[in-house]
């Protein structure tokens, strides 16, 4: 299978492993990804997610040989399937870390952007290569990146198909931290494990509030905040944290 899935403690790890294609996504890989994302979403033992690529690449985009001559109906069906995965990851109320080494091009770049925290090696490269093949970005990329770095920079990356190195991506606010190739996965796993040990419900709800709040007026957001706060009071994570605070000890989060 083009993708591998395993758990490491409370972290679900999805690895794109299709080195002969530089981890370019074909139909089988997309279907595999949908199956894995559903599994991570629905497994209460998975409290954080780590997404990465094997063989010196994160994901070099879509496998153009599998869709270059698709009919409009076939293309729409392909994108609708991809969009199900994109929406599930965007809505996932669990922290997502994406660990990028080598190319994150096209839809691979957009997959990386679905991470709440992006960590990278110095060899990581980000590029929207869509203009080179005469198509527009898919996988929600324009929406995601514009909210991260602004519309002007987003336009430039699309129009020029500029390759952005790891350090430049960090300066732009895309990458959180850069680690040597040999320690990248250890650092990414340490971060994902730390997040998995946190109050998952509060972290997930905070993510959802931020995502929804970008498209709401202030009054609507405050109502969302009040509702979220009321809900979170009943979670095991919150109650454990309050008890730990009163007992002057460090809280442990294992509930939902």
Protein backbone atom coordinates (compact mmCIF):
# COMPACT_ATOMS: atom_id res chain seq x y z
CA UNK A 1 0.00 0.00 0.00
CA UNK A 2 1.25 3.54 -0.75
CA UNK A 3 0.55 4.67 2.83
CA UNK A 4 1.50 3.16 6.17
CA UNK A 5 -0.34 3.63 9.44
CA UNK A 6 0.81 2.81 12.95
CA UNK A 7 0.32 4.09 16.46
CA UNK A 8 3.06 5.17 18.82
CA UNK A 9 1.49 5.47 22.24
CA UNK A 10 -1.39 7.91 21.79
CA UNK A 11 -0.06 9.25 18.47
CA UNK A 12 -1.42 8.04 15.14
CA UNK A 13 1.32 8.12 12.49
CA UNK A 14 0.47 8.24 8.78
CA UNK A 15 3.44 7.84 6.42
CA UNK A 16 3.26 8.32 2.66
CA UNK A 17 5.56 5.60 1.33
CA UNK A 18 5.67 5.59 -2.44
CA UNK A 19 9.36 6.41 -3.09
CA UNK A 20 9.40 5.43 -6.75
CA UNK A 21 6.99 8.35 -7.35
CA UNK A 22 8.50 10.67 -4.71
CA UNK A 23 5.29 10.02 -2.73
CA UNK A 24 3.06 11.49 -5.44
CA UNK A 25 -0.57 10.61 -4.71
CA UNK A 26 -2.42 8.33 -7.09
CA UNK A 27 -5.97 7.05 -6.71
CA UNK A 28 -4.94 4.15 -4.47
CA UNK A 29 -2.98 6.48 -2.18
CA UNK A 30 -5.90 8.89 -1.88
CA UNK A 31 -8.28 6.08 -0.97
CA UNK A 32 -5.74 4.73 1.50
CA UNK A 33 -5.45 8.18 3.08
CA UNK A 34 -9.21 8.47 3.49
CA UNK A 35 -9.34 5.10 5.26
CA UNK A 36 -6.49 6.03 7.61
CA UNK A 37 -7.84 9.49 8.44
CA UNK A 38 -11.22 7.98 9.36
CA UNK A 39 -9.44 5.46 11.57
CA UNK A 40 -7.44 8.17 13.35
CA UNK A 41 -10.50 10.34 13.76
CA UNK A 42 -12.67 7.61 15.22
CA UNK A 43 -10.09 5.96 17.53
CA UNK A 44 -10.41 7.52 21.01
CA UNK A 45 -6.97 6.15 21.92
CA UNK A 46 -5.40 8.40 19.27
CA UNK A 47 -5.01 11.84 20.85
CA UNK A 48 -2.65 13.43 18.32
CA UNK A 49 -1.63 12.79 14.70
CA UNK A 50 1.72 12.85 12.91
CA UNK A 51 1.86 12.94 9.10
CA UNK A 52 5.12 12.47 7.20
CA UNK A 53 6.67 10.94 4.09
CA UNK A 54 9.29 8.24 3.58
CA UNK A 55 12.25 8.00 1.22
CA UNK A 56 13.47 11.59 1.38
CA UNK A 57 10.22 13.24 0.29
CA UNK A 58 7.08 14.42 2.04
CA UNK A 59 4.77 14.38 -1.00
CA UNK A 60 5.65 15.62 -4.49
CA UNK A 61 2.01 16.30 -5.36
CA UNK A 62 -0.56 14.38 -7.35
CA UNK A 63 0.54 11.71 -9.81
CA UNK A 64 -0.25 13.60 -13.00
CA UNK A 65 -0.11 10.42 -15.09
CA UNK A 66 -3.26 9.23 -13.31
CA UNK A 67 -5.42 12.27 -13.98
CA UNK A 68 -3.98 14.23 -16.92
CA UNK A 69 -6.58 12.86 -19.35
CA UNK A 70 -9.55 12.52 -17.03
CA UNK A 71 -12.95 13.72 -18.17
CA UNK A 72 -14.53 16.63 -16.24
CA UNK A 73 -16.79 14.15 -14.44
CA UNK A 74 -13.85 11.92 -13.49
CA UNK A 75 -11.88 14.94 -12.32
CA UNK A 76 -14.77 16.15 -10.19
CA UNK A 77 -15.18 12.70 -8.62
CA UNK A 78 -11.43 12.61 -7.87
CA UNK A 79 -11.51 16.01 -6.21
CA UNK A 80 -14.66 15.24 -4.22
CA UNK A 81 -12.89 12.21 -2.76
CA UNK A 82 -9.80 14.30 -2.01
CA UNK A 83 -11.95 16.99 -0.45
CA UNK A 84 -13.48 14.49 1.96
CA UNK A 85 -9.98 13.83 3.31
CA UNK A 86 -9.09 17.54 3.35
CA UNK A 87 -12.26 18.42 5.25
CA UNK A 88 -11.77 15.61 7.78
CA UNK A 89 -8.22 16.73 8.54
CA UNK A 90 -9.26 20.39 8.75
CA UNK A 91 -12.09 19.48 11.14
CA UNK A 92 -10.11 16.92 13.15
CA UNK A 93 -10.36 17.89 16.80
CA UNK A 94 -6.96 16.42 17.59
CA UNK A 95 -3.58 18.14 17.18
CA UNK A 96 -1.84 17.40 13.86
CA UNK A 97 1.92 17.65 13.36
CA UNK A 98 3.31 17.45 9.82
CA UNK A 99 7.00 16.56 9.46
CA UNK A 100 8.37 17.64 6.09
CA UNK A 101 11.65 16.62 4.54
CA UNK A 102 12.35 16.93 0.84
CA UNK A 103 9.64 18.22 -1.52
CA UNK A 104 6.14 19.18 -0.40
CA UNK A 105 4.78 20.17 -3.81
CA UNK A 106 1.27 20.75 -5.10
CA UNK A 107 -1.29 18.84 -3.07
CA UNK A 108 1.61 17.67 -0.88
CA UNK A 109 2.15 21.29 0.18
CA UNK A 110 -1.56 21.56 0.93
CA UNK A 111 -1.43 18.38 2.99
CA UNK A 112 1.41 19.87 5.02
CA UNK A 113 -0.66 23.03 5.57
CA UNK A 114 -3.36 20.94 7.23
CA UNK A 115 -0.95 20.38 10.10
CA UNK A 116 -1.45 22.55 13.16
CA UNK A 117 2.32 22.58 13.54
CA UNK A 118 4.71 22.09 10.62
CA UNK A 119 8.25 20.96 11.41
CA UNK A 120 10.83 20.54 8.68
CA UNK A 121 14.36 19.52 7.86
CA UNK A 122 16.74 21.97 6.13
CA UNK A 123 16.17 19.97 2.92
CA UNK A 124 12.42 20.64 2.90
CA UNK A 125 11.05 22.53 -0.09
CA UNK A 126 7.57 23.93 -0.59
CA UNK A 127 6.09 24.72 -3.98
CA UNK A 128 2.80 25.11 -5.77
CA UNK A 129 3.71 23.75 -9.19
CA UNK A 130 0.18 24.03 -10.56
CA UNK A 131 0.96 26.87 -12.97
CA UNK A 132 3.57 24.67 -14.65
CA UNK A 133 0.86 22.24 -15.72
CA UNK A 134 -1.86 24.84 -16.29
CA UNK A 135 -4.22 24.06 -13.42
CA UNK A 136 -5.40 25.80 -10.25
CA UNK A 137 -4.48 24.65 -6.73
CA UNK A 138 -6.57 21.87 -5.24
CA UNK A 139 -6.88 20.46 -1.74
CA UNK A 140 -7.95 23.77 -0.24
CA UNK A 141 -4.48 25.24 -0.65
CA UNK A 142 -5.41 28.83 -1.54
CA UNK A 143 -7.81 28.98 1.40
CA UNK A 144 -5.32 27.54 3.87
CA UNK A 145 -2.20 29.44 2.87
CA UNK A 146 -3.90 32.84 2.52
CA UNK A 147 -5.04 32.57 6.12
CA UNK A 148 -1.50 31.74 7.16
CA UNK A 149 0.63 34.26 5.25
CA UNK A 150 -1.85 36.65 3.60
CA UNK A 151 -3.32 36.92 0.13
CA UNK A 152 -0.43 38.79 -1.52
CA UNK A 153 2.24 36.23 -0.66
CA UNK A 154 -0.17 33.43 -1.51
CA UNK A 155 -0.75 34.90 -4.97
CA UNK A 156 2.98 35.16 -5.59
CA UNK A 157 3.57 31.52 -4.63
CA UNK A 158 0.82 30.39 -7.00
CA UNK A 159 1.60 32.70 -9.92
CA UNK A 160 5.36 32.12 -9.92
CA UNK A 161 5.48 28.47 -8.77
CA UNK A 162 8.36 29.63 -6.58
CA UNK A 163 10.26 26.95 -4.66
CA UNK A 164 10.47 28.03 -1.02
CA UNK A 165 13.25 26.51 1.09
CA UNK A 166 12.76 25.55 4.73
CA UNK A 167 14.37 28.64 6.25
CA UNK A 168 12.39 30.98 4.02
CA UNK A 169 9.20 29.08 4.84
CA UNK A 170 9.96 29.54 8.53
CA UNK A 171 10.49 33.28 8.03
CA UNK A 172 7.14 33.46 6.20
CA UNK A 173 5.35 31.78 9.12
CA UNK A 174 4.68 28.47 7.38
CA UNK A 175 7.20 26.30 9.25
CA UNK A 176 7.33 26.30 13.04
CA UNK A 177 10.79 24.80 13.53
CA UNK A 178 13.67 23.29 11.55
CA UNK A 179 15.60 20.23 12.67
CA UNK A 180 18.45 18.21 11.13
CA UNK A 181 17.30 15.42 8.83
CA UNK A 182 18.55 12.74 11.21
CA UNK A 183 16.57 14.08 14.20
CA UNK A 184 13.46 15.44 12.45
CA UNK A 185 11.23 12.44 13.16
CA UNK A 186 12.37 12.23 16.77
CA UNK A 187 11.55 15.91 17.27
CA UNK A 188 8.22 15.57 15.48
CA UNK A 189 7.27 12.53 17.54
CA UNK A 190 8.29 14.26 20.77
CA UNK A 191 6.04 17.19 19.89
CA UNK A 192 3.12 14.98 18.89
CA UNK A 193 3.53 12.95 22.08
CA UNK A 194 3.53 16.14 24.16
CA UNK A 195 0.33 17.29 22.47
CA UNK A 196 -1.25 13.86 22.92
CA UNK A 197 -0.57 14.14 26.65
CA UNK A 198 -2.49 17.43 26.77
CA UNK A 199 -6.21 18.16 27.20
CA UNK A 200 -7.32 16.81 23.83
CA UNK A 201 -10.90 18.05 24.03
CA UNK A 202 -9.83 21.60 24.86
CA UNK A 203 -7.11 21.59 22.19
CA UNK A 204 -9.48 20.20 19.58
CA UNK A 205 -12.26 22.60 20.43
CA UNK A 206 -9.83 25.52 20.40
CA UNK A 207 -8.74 24.47 16.89
CA UNK A 208 -12.34 24.33 15.73
CA UNK A 209 -13.08 27.75 17.22
CA UNK A 210 -10.09 29.28 15.46
CA UNK A 211 -10.97 27.67 12.13
CA UNK A 212 -14.61 28.78 12.32
CA UNK A 213 -13.75 32.18 13.77
CA UNK A 214 -11.86 33.23 10.66
CA UNK A 215 -15.19 33.48 8.85
CA UNK A 216 -17.37 34.86 11.67
CA UNK A 217 -18.08 38.30 13.03
CA UNK A 218 -16.83 39.09 16.53
CA UNK A 219 -20.23 38.69 18.20
CA UNK A 220 -20.69 35.29 16.62
CA UNK A 221 -17.24 34.21 17.73
CA UNK A 222 -17.89 35.28 21.32
CA UNK A 223 -21.06 33.17 21.34
CA UNK A 224 -19.06 30.22 19.99
CA UNK A 225 -16.49 30.81 22.72
CA UNK A 226 -19.13 30.86 25.47
CA UNK A 227 -20.73 27.65 24.19
CA UNK A 228 -17.34 25.94 23.90
CA UNK A 229 -16.34 26.96 27.41
CA UNK A 230 -19.60 25.66 28.84
CA UNK A 231 -19.16 22.34 27.04
CA UNK A 232 -15.53 21.86 28.07
CA UNK A 233 -16.41 22.16 31.77
CA UNK A 234 -17.97 18.68 31.63
CA UNK A 235 -14.98 16.88 30.10
CA UNK A 236 -12.77 14.48 32.03
CA UNK A 237 -9.69 16.45 30.97
CA UNK A 238 -10.98 19.64 32.59
CA UNK A 239 -12.11 17.93 35.75
CA UNK A 240 -8.77 16.13 36.12
CA UNK A 241 -6.93 19.42 35.62
CA UNK A 242 -8.99 21.20 38.29
CA UNK A 243 -8.44 18.37 40.76
CA UNK A 244 -4.70 18.43 40.06
CA UNK A 245 -4.60 22.19 40.53
CA UNK A 246 -6.33 21.95 43.89
CA UNK A 247 -4.01 19.14 44.95
CA UNK A 248 -0.97 21.09 43.72
CA UNK A 249 0.22 18.39 41.31
CA UNK A 250 0.79 18.12 37.58
CA UNK A 251 -2.39 17.00 35.76
CA UNK A 252 -2.57 13.91 33.58
CA UNK A 253 -4.93 13.83 30.63
CA UNK A 254 -6.34 10.46 29.62
CA UNK A 255 -10.04 11.14 29.32
CA UNK A 256 -12.10 12.75 26.57
